[in-house]
Amino acid sequence: MSTGPDVVVHPDTDTTATDAGERLLTALSAAQAARGSASVVLTGGGVGIAMLRAVASSARRDAVDWGSVEVFWGDERFVPAGDAERNDAQAREALLDALPLDPARVHPMASSDAPEDAGGGDPDLAADAYAKILSAAASRAGSGAAIPAFDVLLAGCGPEGHVLSVFPDSPAVHAADAGVVGVRDCPKPPPTRVSLTLPAARAAREVWLVATGAGKAEVLARAHAGASEVDVPLAGLRGTERTLWLLDEDAARDLA
């Protein structure tokens, strides 16, 4: 069982993103060697997308059998398909469109303009639709759980401590089940989103936080010191086998 995070500090954002990308290639290759396939939960944000660009440009990119990688998202902005705000649109442009992925193994969350039976029109419907996708993936892996045991879940954080689209003292942070929730009235635009819950994120074997910048330093220190996940959702983010924080010097400056 994972305990506290392993913390790796880099000089700056670029080296953080590059190292995260190289580590992801290693982790996916190792998962495929161990189990024949691999799964990853992607994140958005500046450094999260920079990490995907680092994977795209890596000389080791083809060490992974991308056709047997299953791709999920931890959260999504509930806006129309193709909108530049969407995490999946950014990920496709940065990396996914350049890879020989199996389209059946790539699982974006529903857009706001998707058909109603696919989760469009309402974030709660989108959350229910994604929960069914996750349950089916867990079943294919031979698990009766609601959530697959993702090999790597990637996350960023906000300066107030939100992760995924789980914000401090919000309905989502109080969700007790490993599932997917519709999120409304986010303090950060766009206000309507879909997100894994913290218990769902904790199904992952490894959870990696990738964060840079002095604006994250105070909340990272609070989470590291044991803050409540209700106050600092980041504090509730951990993997079953490992929790890894990949930070730059500015973000790590207040850690004891």
C-alpha atoms as a PDB file:
ATOM      1  CA  MET A   1       0.000   0.000   0.000  1.00  0.00           C
ATOM      2  CA  SER A   2       1.294   3.418  -0.944  1.00  0.00           C
ATOM      3  CA  THR A   3       2.115   5.736   1.952  1.00  0.00           C
ATOM      4  CA  GLY A   4       3.606   9.219   1.567  1.00  0.00           C
ATOM      5  CA  PRO A   5       4.725  10.518  -1.800  1.00  0.00           C
ATOM      6  CA  ASP A   6       8.141  10.044  -3.311  1.00  0.00           C
ATOM      7  CA  VAL A   7       9.231  13.565  -4.238  1.00  0.00           C
ATOM      8  CA  VAL A   8      11.554  14.293  -7.169  1.00  0.00           C
ATOM      9  CA  VAL A   9      12.608  17.914  -7.655  1.00  0.00           C
ATOM     10  CA  HIS A  10      13.784  19.335 -10.991  1.00  0.00           C
ATOM     11  CA  PRO A  11      15.366  22.683 -11.830  1.00  0.00           C
ATOM     12  CA  ASP A  12      12.491  24.022 -13.928  1.00  0.00           C
ATOM     13  CA  THR A  13       9.264  23.273 -15.772  1.00  0.00           C
ATOM     14  CA  ASP A  14      10.928  21.958 -18.930  1.00  0.00           C
ATOM     15  CA  THR A  15      13.032  19.367 -17.123  1.00  0.00           C
ATOM     16  CA  THR A  16      10.020  18.369 -15.008  1.00  0.00           C
ATOM     17  CA  ALA A  17       7.935  17.731 -18.112  1.00  0.00           C
ATOM     18  CA  THR A  18      10.749  15.887 -19.898  1.00  0.00           C
ATOM     19  CA  ASP A  19      11.478  13.630 -16.931  1.00  0.00           C
ATOM     20  CA  ALA A  20       7.778  12.902 -16.452  1.00  0.00           C
ATOM     21  CA  GLY A  21       7.502  11.907 -20.096  1.00  0.00           C
ATOM     22  CA  GLU A  22      10.490   9.578 -19.911  1.00  0.00           C
ATOM     23  CA  ARG A  23       9.182   8.033 -16.711  1.00  0.00           C
ATOM     24  CA  LEU A  24       5.801   7.445 -18.336  1.00  0.00           C
ATOM     25  CA  LEU A  25       7.406   5.587 -21.234  1.00  0.00           C
ATOM     26  CA  THR A  26       9.298   3.399 -18.761  1.00  0.00           C
ATOM     27  CA  ALA A  27       6.190   2.710 -16.681  1.00  0.00           C
ATOM     28  CA  LEU A  28       4.016   1.790 -19.651  1.00  0.00           C
ATOM     29  CA  SER A  29       6.710  -0.508 -21.047  1.00  0.00           C
ATOM     30  CA  ALA A  30       7.080  -2.205 -17.659  1.00  0.00           C
ATOM     31  CA  ALA A  31       3.312  -2.679 -17.348  1.00  0.00           C
ATOM     32  CA  GLN A  32       3.177  -4.265 -20.784  1.00  0.00           C
ATOM     33  CA  ALA A  33       6.034  -6.584 -19.895  1.00  0.00           C
ATOM     34  CA  ALA A  34       4.270  -7.615 -16.702  1.00  0.00           C
ATOM     35  CA  ARG A  35       0.657  -7.827 -17.869  1.00  0.00           C
ATOM     36  CA  GLY A  36       0.634  -7.592 -21.684  1.00  0.00           C
ATOM     37  CA  SER A  37      -1.091  -4.226 -21.758  1.00  0.00           C
ATOM     38  CA  ALA A  38      -0.964  -0.863 -20.003  1.00  0.00           C
ATOM     39  CA  SER A  39      -3.356   1.882 -18.982  1.00  0.00           C
ATOM     40  CA  VAL A  40      -2.881   5.572 -18.295  1.00  0.00           C
ATOM     41  CA  VAL A  41      -5.152   8.327 -17.034  1.00  0.00           C
ATOM     42  CA  LEU A  42      -4.227  11.642 -18.619  1.00  0.00           C
ATOM     43  CA  THR A  43      -4.453  15.135 -17.204  1.00  0.00           C
ATOM     44  CA  GLY A  44      -4.531  18.604 -18.724  1.00  0.00           C
ATOM     45  CA  GLY A  45      -2.861  21.836 -17.709  1.00  0.00           C
ATOM     46  CA  GLY A  46       0.304  23.460 -18.938  1.00  0.00           C
ATOM     47  CA  VAL A  47       2.857  21.050 -17.531  1.00  0.00           C
ATOM     48  CA  GLY A  48       0.621  18.024 -18.138  1.00  0.00           C
ATOM     49  CA  ILE A  49       0.407  18.807 -21.842  1.00  0.00           C
ATOM     50  CA  ALA A  50       4.119  19.696 -21.948  1.00  0.00           C
ATOM     51  CA  MET A  51       4.786  16.207 -20.611  1.00  0.00           C
ATOM     52  CA  LEU A  52       2.807  14.692 -23.497  1.00  0.00           C
ATOM     53  CA  ARG A  53       4.811  16.777 -25.956  1.00  0.00           C
ATOM     54  CA  ALA A  54       7.966  15.385 -24.336  1.00  0.00           C
ATOM     55  CA  VAL A  55       6.679  11.843 -24.939  1.00  0.00           C
ATOM     56  CA  ALA A  56       5.943  12.721 -28.563  1.00  0.00           C
ATOM     57  CA  SER A  57       9.511  13.920 -29.151  1.00  0.00           C
ATOM     58  CA  SER A  58      11.277  11.215 -27.133  1.00  0.00           C
ATOM     59  CA  ALA A  59      13.696   8.894 -28.898  1.00  0.00           C
ATOM     60  CA  ARG A  60      12.183   6.105 -26.766  1.00  0.00           C
ATOM     61  CA  ARG A  61       8.606   6.703 -27.867  1.00  0.00           C
ATOM     62  CA  ASP A  62       8.363   3.513 -29.911  1.00  0.00           C
ATOM     63  CA  ALA A  63       9.499   1.333 -26.994  1.00  0.00           C
ATOM     64  CA  VAL A  64       5.827   1.236 -26.018  1.00  0.00           C
ATOM     65  CA  ASP A  65       3.321  -0.899 -27.917  1.00  0.00           C
ATOM     66  CA  TRP A  66       0.783   1.881 -28.236  1.00  0.00           C
ATOM     67  CA  GLY A  67      -1.822  -0.389 -29.763  1.00  0.00           C
ATOM     68  CA  SER A  68      -2.206  -2.116 -26.409  1.00  0.00           C
ATOM     69  CA  VAL A  69      -2.312   1.039 -24.281  1.00  0.00           C
ATOM     70  CA  GLU A  70      -5.698   2.000 -22.849  1.00  0.00           C
ATOM     71  CA  VAL A  71      -6.160   5.758 -22.417  1.00  0.00           C
ATOM     72  CA  PHE A  72      -8.534   7.426 -19.962  1.00  0.00           C
ATOM     73  CA  TRP A  73      -8.957  10.942 -18.564  1.00  0.00           C
ATOM     74  CA  GLY A  74      -9.213  12.000 -14.944  1.00  0.00           C
ATOM     75  CA  ASP A  75     -11.477  14.939 -15.668  1.00  0.00           C
ATOM     76  CA  GLU A  76     -12.841  16.979 -18.504  1.00  0.00           C
ATOM     77  CA  ARG A  77     -14.333  20.386 -19.198  1.00  0.00           C
ATOM     78  CA  PHE A  78     -17.972  19.927 -20.241  1.00  0.00           C
ATOM     79  CA  VAL A  79     -17.797  21.936 -23.443  1.00  0.00           C
ATOM     80  CA  PRO A  80     -18.378  20.985 -27.096  1.00  0.00           C
ATOM     81  CA  ALA A  81     -16.241  18.371 -28.828  1.00  0.00           C
ATOM     82  CA  GLY A  82     -13.052  19.794 -30.281  1.00  0.00           C
ATOM     83  CA  ASP A  83     -13.135  22.875 -28.052  1.00  0.00           C
ATOM     84  CA  ALA A  84      -9.602  23.993 -27.233  1.00  0.00           C
ATOM     85  CA  GLU A  85     -10.546  23.931 -23.528  1.00  0.00           C
ATOM     86  CA  ARG A  86     -11.036  20.168 -23.580  1.00  0.00           C
ATOM     87  CA  ASN A  87      -8.263  18.048 -22.111  1.00  0.00           C
ATOM     88  CA  ASP A  88      -8.764  15.388 -24.770  1.00  0.00           C
ATOM     89  CA  ALA A  89      -8.417  17.930 -27.599  1.00  0.00           C
ATOM     90  CA  GLN A  90      -5.155  19.195 -26.117  1.00  0.00           C
ATOM     91  CA  ALA A  91      -3.856  15.663 -25.582  1.00  0.00           C
ATOM     92  CA  ARG A  92      -4.648  14.628 -29.137  1.00  0.00           C
ATOM     93  CA  GLU A  93      -2.831  17.637 -30.553  1.00  0.00           C
ATOM     94  CA  ALA A  94       0.186  17.184 -28.268  1.00  0.00           C
ATOM     95  CA  LEU A  95       0.621  13.410 -28.592  1.00  0.00           C
ATOM     96  CA  LEU A  96      -2.250  11.059 -29.255  1.00  0.00           C
ATOM     97  CA  ASP A  97      -2.809  11.887 -32.923  1.00  0.00           C
ATOM     98  CA  ALA A  98       0.820  10.930 -33.600  1.00  0.00           C
ATOM     99  CA  LEU A  99       0.520   7.474 -32.033  1.00  0.00           C
ATOM    100  CA  PRO A 100      -0.748   4.181 -33.490  1.00  0.00           C
ATOM    101  CA  LEU A 101      -3.386   3.837 -30.769  1.00  0.00           C
ATOM    102  CA  ASP A 102      -6.364   1.502 -31.028  1.00  0.00           C
ATOM    103  CA  PRO A 103      -9.349   3.900 -31.148  1.00  0.00           C
ATOM    104  CA  ALA A 104     -11.408   1.383 -29.156  1.00  0.00           C
ATOM    105  CA  ARG A 105      -8.929   1.778 -26.287  1.00  0.00           C
ATOM    106  CA  VAL A 106      -9.106   5.586 -26.142  1.00  0.00           C
ATOM    107  CA  HIS A 107     -11.864   6.736 -23.813  1.00  0.00           C
ATOM    108  CA  PRO A 108     -12.610  10.482 -23.765  1.00  0.00           C
ATOM    109  CA  MET A 109     -15.352  11.791 -21.524  1.00  0.00           C
ATOM    110  CA  ALA A 110     -18.524  12.952 -23.249  1.00  0.00           C
ATOM    111  CA  SER A 111     -18.687  16.464 -24.647  1.00  0.00           C
ATOM    112  CA  SER A 112     -21.569  18.809 -23.919  1.00  0.00           C
ATOM    113  CA  ASP A 113     -22.845  18.404 -27.491  1.00  0.00           C
ATOM    114  CA  ALA A 114     -22.661  14.603 -27.588  1.00  0.00           C
ATOM    115  CA  PRO A 115     -25.900  12.643 -28.108  1.00  0.00           C
ATOM    116  CA  GLU A 116     -27.914  12.315 -24.909  1.00  0.00           C
ATOM    117  CA  ASP A 117     -27.471   8.533 -24.794  1.00  0.00           C
ATOM    118  CA  ALA A 118     -23.690   9.088 -24.817  1.00  0.00           C
ATOM    119  CA  GLY A 119     -23.806  11.571 -21.958  1.00  0.00           C
ATOM    120  CA  GLY A 120     -24.270  14.848 -23.785  1.00  0.00           C
ATOM    121  CA  GLY A 121     -26.348  17.720 -22.523  1.00  0.00           C
ATOM    122  CA  ASP A 122     -25.886  17.098 -18.809  1.00  0.00           C
ATOM    123  CA  PRO A 123     -22.707  16.498 -16.788  1.00  0.00           C
ATOM    124  CA  ASP A 124     -24.427  13.919 -14.606  1.00  0.00           C
ATOM    125  CA  LEU A 125     -25.347  11.895 -17.689  1.00  0.00           C
ATOM    126  CA  ALA A 126     -21.757  12.240 -18.893  1.00  0.00           C
ATOM    127  CA  ALA A 127     -20.505  11.009 -15.523  1.00  0.00           C
ATOM    128  CA  ASP A 128     -22.826   7.994 -15.645  1.00  0.00           C
ATOM    129  CA  ALA A 129     -21.706   7.186 -19.183  1.00  0.00           C
ATOM    130  CA  TYR A 130     -18.042   7.323 -18.173  1.00  0.00           C
ATOM    131  CA  ALA A 131     -18.688   5.170 -15.115  1.00  0.00           C
ATOM    132  CA  LYS A 132     -20.035   2.488 -17.466  1.00  0.00           C
ATOM    133  CA  ILE A 133     -16.901   2.739 -19.623  1.00  0.00           C
ATOM    134  CA  LEU A 134     -14.712   2.294 -16.546  1.00  0.00           C
ATOM    135  CA  SER A 135     -16.755  -0.627 -15.258  1.00  0.00           C
ATOM    136  CA  ALA A 136     -16.485  -2.361 -18.637  1.00  0.00           C
ATOM    137  CA  ALA A 137     -12.722  -1.833 -18.660  1.00  0.00           C
ATOM    138  CA  ALA A 138     -12.429  -3.287 -15.165  1.00  0.00           C
ATOM    139  CA  SER A 139     -14.504  -6.286 -16.241  1.00  0.00           C
ATOM    140  CA  ARG A 140     -12.272  -6.908 -19.266  1.00  0.00           C
ATOM    141  CA  ALA A 141      -9.302  -6.943 -16.902  1.00  0.00           C
ATOM    142  CA  GLY A 142     -10.987  -9.643 -14.826  1.00  0.00           C
ATOM    143  CA  SER A 143     -11.968  -7.382 -11.957  1.00  0.00           C
ATOM    144  CA  GLY A 144     -15.376  -7.004 -10.391  1.00  0.00           C
ATOM    145  CA  ALA A 145     -14.499  -3.493  -9.274  1.00  0.00           C
ATOM    146  CA  ALA A 146     -16.181  -0.370 -10.568  1.00  0.00           C
ATOM    147  CA  ILE A 147     -12.851   1.178 -11.542  1.00  0.00           C
ATOM    148  CA  PRO A 148      -9.870  -0.423 -13.324  1.00  0.00           C
ATOM    149  CA  ALA A 149      -6.526  -0.641 -11.555  1.00  0.00           C
ATOM    150  CA  PHE A 150      -4.932   1.988 -13.797  1.00  0.00           C
ATOM    151  CA  ASP A 151      -1.178   1.560 -14.216  1.00  0.00           C
ATOM    152  CA  VAL A 152      -0.475   5.304 -14.005  1.00  0.00           C
ATOM    153  CA  LEU A 153      -2.822   8.160 -13.168  1.00  0.00           C
ATOM    154  CA  LEU A 154      -1.422  11.594 -13.969  1.00  0.00           C
ATOM    155  CA  ALA A 155      -2.631  14.711 -12.198  1.00  0.00           C
ATOM    156  CA  GLY A 156      -1.846  18.353 -11.777  1.00  0.00           C
ATOM    157  CA  CYS A 157      -3.025  20.614  -8.988  1.00  0.00           C
ATOM    158  CA  GLY A 158      -4.298  24.122  -8.517  1.00  0.00           C
ATOM    159  CA  PRO A 159      -2.926  26.714  -6.100  1.00  0.00           C
ATOM    160  CA  GLU A 160      -5.882  26.051  -3.791  1.00  0.00           C
ATOM    161  CA  GLY A 161      -5.211  22.296  -3.852  1.00  0.00           C
ATOM    162  CA  HIS A 162      -7.739  20.999  -6.345  1.00  0.00           C
ATOM    163  CA  VAL A 163      -6.879  17.868  -8.304  1.00  0.00           C
ATOM    164  CA  LEU A 164      -8.839  16.419 -11.223  1.00  0.00           C
ATOM    165  CA  SER A 165     -11.925  18.651 -10.983  1.00  0.00           C
ATOM    166  CA  VAL A 166     -12.294  18.020  -7.255  1.00  0.00           C
ATOM    167  CA  PHE A 167     -12.154  21.357  -5.446  1.00  0.00           C
ATOM    168  CA  PRO A 168     -11.851  22.101  -1.726  1.00  0.00           C
ATOM    169  CA  ASP A 169     -15.049  21.565   0.290  1.00  0.00           C
ATOM    170  CA  SER A 170     -17.053  20.866  -2.869  1.00  0.00           C
ATOM    171  CA  PRO A 171     -19.676  18.135  -3.355  1.00  0.00           C
ATOM    172  CA  ALA A 172     -17.116  16.154  -5.364  1.00  0.00           C
ATOM    173  CA  VAL A 173     -14.571  16.033  -2.538  1.00  0.00           C
ATOM    174  CA  HIS A 174     -17.199  14.510  -0.256  1.00  0.00           C
ATOM    175  CA  ALA A 175     -17.986  11.705  -2.725  1.00  0.00           C
ATOM    176  CA  ALA A 176     -17.323   8.428  -0.938  1.00  0.00           C
ATOM    177  CA  ASP A 177     -17.621   6.046  -3.881  1.00  0.00           C
ATOM    178  CA  ALA A 178     -15.024   5.147  -6.490  1.00  0.00           C
ATOM    179  CA  GLY A 179     -16.859   6.650  -9.412  1.00  0.00           C
ATOM    180  CA  VAL A 180     -17.410   9.619 -11.689  1.00  0.00           C
ATOM    181  CA  VAL A 181     -19.276  12.824 -10.861  1.00  0.00           C
ATOM    182  CA  GLY A 182     -20.696  15.781 -12.684  1.00  0.00           C
ATOM    183  CA  VAL A 183     -19.208  18.997 -11.337  1.00  0.00           C
ATOM    184  CA  ARG A 184     -20.997  22.343 -11.394  1.00  0.00           C
ATOM    185  CA  ASP A 185     -20.079  25.824 -10.241  1.00  0.00           C
ATOM    186  CA  CYS A 186     -16.326  25.255 -10.294  1.00  0.00           C
ATOM    187  CA  PRO A 187     -14.462  28.294  -8.989  1.00  0.00           C
ATOM    188  CA  LYS A 188     -12.184  27.994 -12.011  1.00  0.00           C
ATOM    189  CA  PRO A 189     -13.703  28.323 -15.506  1.00  0.00           C
ATOM    190  CA  PRO A 190     -15.234  26.581 -17.270  1.00  0.00           C
ATOM    191  CA  PRO A 191     -17.632  25.949 -14.380  1.00  0.00           C
ATOM    192  CA  THR A 192     -19.137  22.662 -15.563  1.00  0.00           C
ATOM    193  CA  ARG A 193     -16.998  19.526 -15.686  1.00  0.00           C
ATOM    194  CA  VAL A 194     -16.866  15.770 -15.273  1.00  0.00           C
ATOM    195  CA  SER A 195     -14.374  14.159 -12.906  1.00  0.00           C
ATOM    196  CA  LEU A 196     -13.216  10.979 -11.285  1.00  0.00           C
ATOM    197  CA  THR A 197     -13.683  11.036  -7.530  1.00  0.00           C
ATOM    198  CA  LEU A 198     -10.705  10.771  -5.211  1.00  0.00           C
ATOM    199  CA  PRO A 199     -11.604   7.139  -4.330  1.00  0.00           C
ATOM    200  CA  ALA A 200     -11.605   6.348  -8.064  1.00  0.00           C
ATOM    201  CA  ALA A 201      -8.195   7.931  -8.520  1.00  0.00           C
ATOM    202  CA  ARG A 202      -6.903   5.857  -5.603  1.00  0.00           C
ATOM    203  CA  ALA A 203      -7.642   2.696  -7.615  1.00  0.00           C
ATOM    204  CA  ALA A 204      -4.522   3.421  -9.683  1.00  0.00           C
ATOM    205  CA  ARG A 205      -1.371   1.452  -9.022  1.00  0.00           C
ATOM    206  CA  GLU A 206       0.702   4.602  -9.366  1.00  0.00           C
ATOM    207  CA  VAL A 207      -0.480   8.180  -8.994  1.00  0.00           C
ATOM    208  CA  TRP A 208       1.845  10.902 -10.267  1.00  0.00           C
ATOM    209  CA  LEU A 209       1.432  14.561  -9.455  1.00  0.00           C
ATOM    210  CA  VAL A 210       3.239  16.785 -11.954  1.00  0.00           C
ATOM    211  CA  ALA A 211       3.347  20.385 -10.720  1.00  0.00           C
ATOM    212  CA  THR A 212       5.530  23.438 -11.223  1.00  0.00           C
ATOM    213  CA  GLY A 213       5.641  27.052 -10.138  1.00  0.00           C
ATOM    214  CA  ALA A 214       5.832  29.013  -6.915  1.00  0.00           C
ATOM    215  CA  GLY A 215       2.059  29.390  -6.872  1.00  0.00           C
ATOM    216  CA  LYS A 216       1.753  25.709  -5.931  1.00  0.00           C
ATOM    217  CA  ALA A 217       4.375  25.747  -3.156  1.00  0.00           C
ATOM    218  CA  GLU A 218       2.156  26.592  -0.192  1.00  0.00           C
ATOM    219  CA  VAL A 219      -0.566  24.066  -0.944  1.00  0.00           C
ATOM    220  CA  LEU A 220       1.958  21.320  -1.724  1.00  0.00           C
ATOM    221  CA  ALA A 221       3.528  21.907   1.688  1.00  0.00           C
ATOM    222  CA  ARG A 222       0.113  21.703   3.352  1.00  0.00           C
ATOM    223  CA  ALA A 223      -0.720  18.440   1.586  1.00  0.00           C
ATOM    224  CA  HIS A 224       2.687  16.984   2.393  1.00  0.00           C
ATOM    225  CA  ALA A 225       2.202  17.881   6.065  1.00  0.00           C
ATOM    226  CA  GLY A 226      -1.071  15.940   6.228  1.00  0.00           C
ATOM    227  CA  ALA A 227      -3.863  18.417   5.491  1.00  0.00           C
ATOM    228  CA  SER A 228      -7.420  17.141   5.232  1.00  0.00           C
ATOM    229  CA  GLU A 229      -8.437  16.143   1.708  1.00  0.00           C
ATOM    230  CA  VAL A 230     -11.665  18.105   2.184  1.00  0.00           C
ATOM    231  CA  ASP A 231      -9.592  21.275   2.598  1.00  0.00           C
ATOM    232  CA  VAL A 232      -6.799  20.237   0.199  1.00  0.00           C
ATOM    233  CA  PRO A 233      -8.020  17.531  -2.216  1.00  0.00           C
ATOM    234  CA  LEU A 234      -4.429  16.948  -3.295  1.00  0.00           C
ATOM    235  CA  ALA A 235      -3.825  15.387   0.122  1.00  0.00           C
ATOM    236  CA  GLY A 236      -6.215  12.552  -0.776  1.00  0.00           C
ATOM    237  CA  LEU A 237      -4.491  11.621  -4.024  1.00  0.00           C
ATOM    238  CA  ARG A 238      -2.411   8.448  -3.753  1.00  0.00           C
ATOM    239  CA  GLY A 239      -1.791   5.175  -5.546  1.00  0.00           C
ATOM    240  CA  THR A 240      -2.089   1.632  -4.265  1.00  0.00           C
ATOM    241  CA  GLU A 241       1.593   0.951  -4.958  1.00  0.00           C
ATOM    242  CA  ARG A 242       3.243   4.335  -5.330  1.00  0.00           C
ATOM    243  CA  THR A 243       2.580   8.043  -5.116  1.00  0.00           C
ATOM    244  CA  LEU A 244       5.089  10.198  -6.987  1.00  0.00           C
ATOM    245  CA  TRP A 245       5.396  13.974  -6.996  1.00  0.00           C
ATOM    246  CA  LEU A 246       7.401  15.416  -9.888  1.00  0.00           C
ATOM    247  CA  LEU A 247       8.029  19.067  -9.054  1.00  0.00           C
ATOM    248  CA  ASP A 248      10.265  21.943  -9.991  1.00  0.00           C
ATOM    249  CA  GLU A 249      12.311  23.850  -7.427  1.00  0.00           C
ATOM    250  CA  ASP A 250       9.771  26.664  -7.163  1.00  0.00           C
ATOM    251  CA  ALA A 251       6.891  24.309  -6.367  1.00  0.00           C
ATOM    252  CA  ALA A 252       8.975  22.310  -3.887  1.00  0.00           C
ATOM    253  CA  ARG A 253      10.462  25.255  -2.013  1.00  0.00           C
ATOM    254  CA  ASP A 254       8.230  24.977   1.095  1.00  0.00           C
ATOM    255  CA  LEU A 255       8.491  21.219   1.584  1.00  0.00           C
ATOM    256  CA  ALA A 256      10.096  20.226   4.859  1.00  0.00           C
END
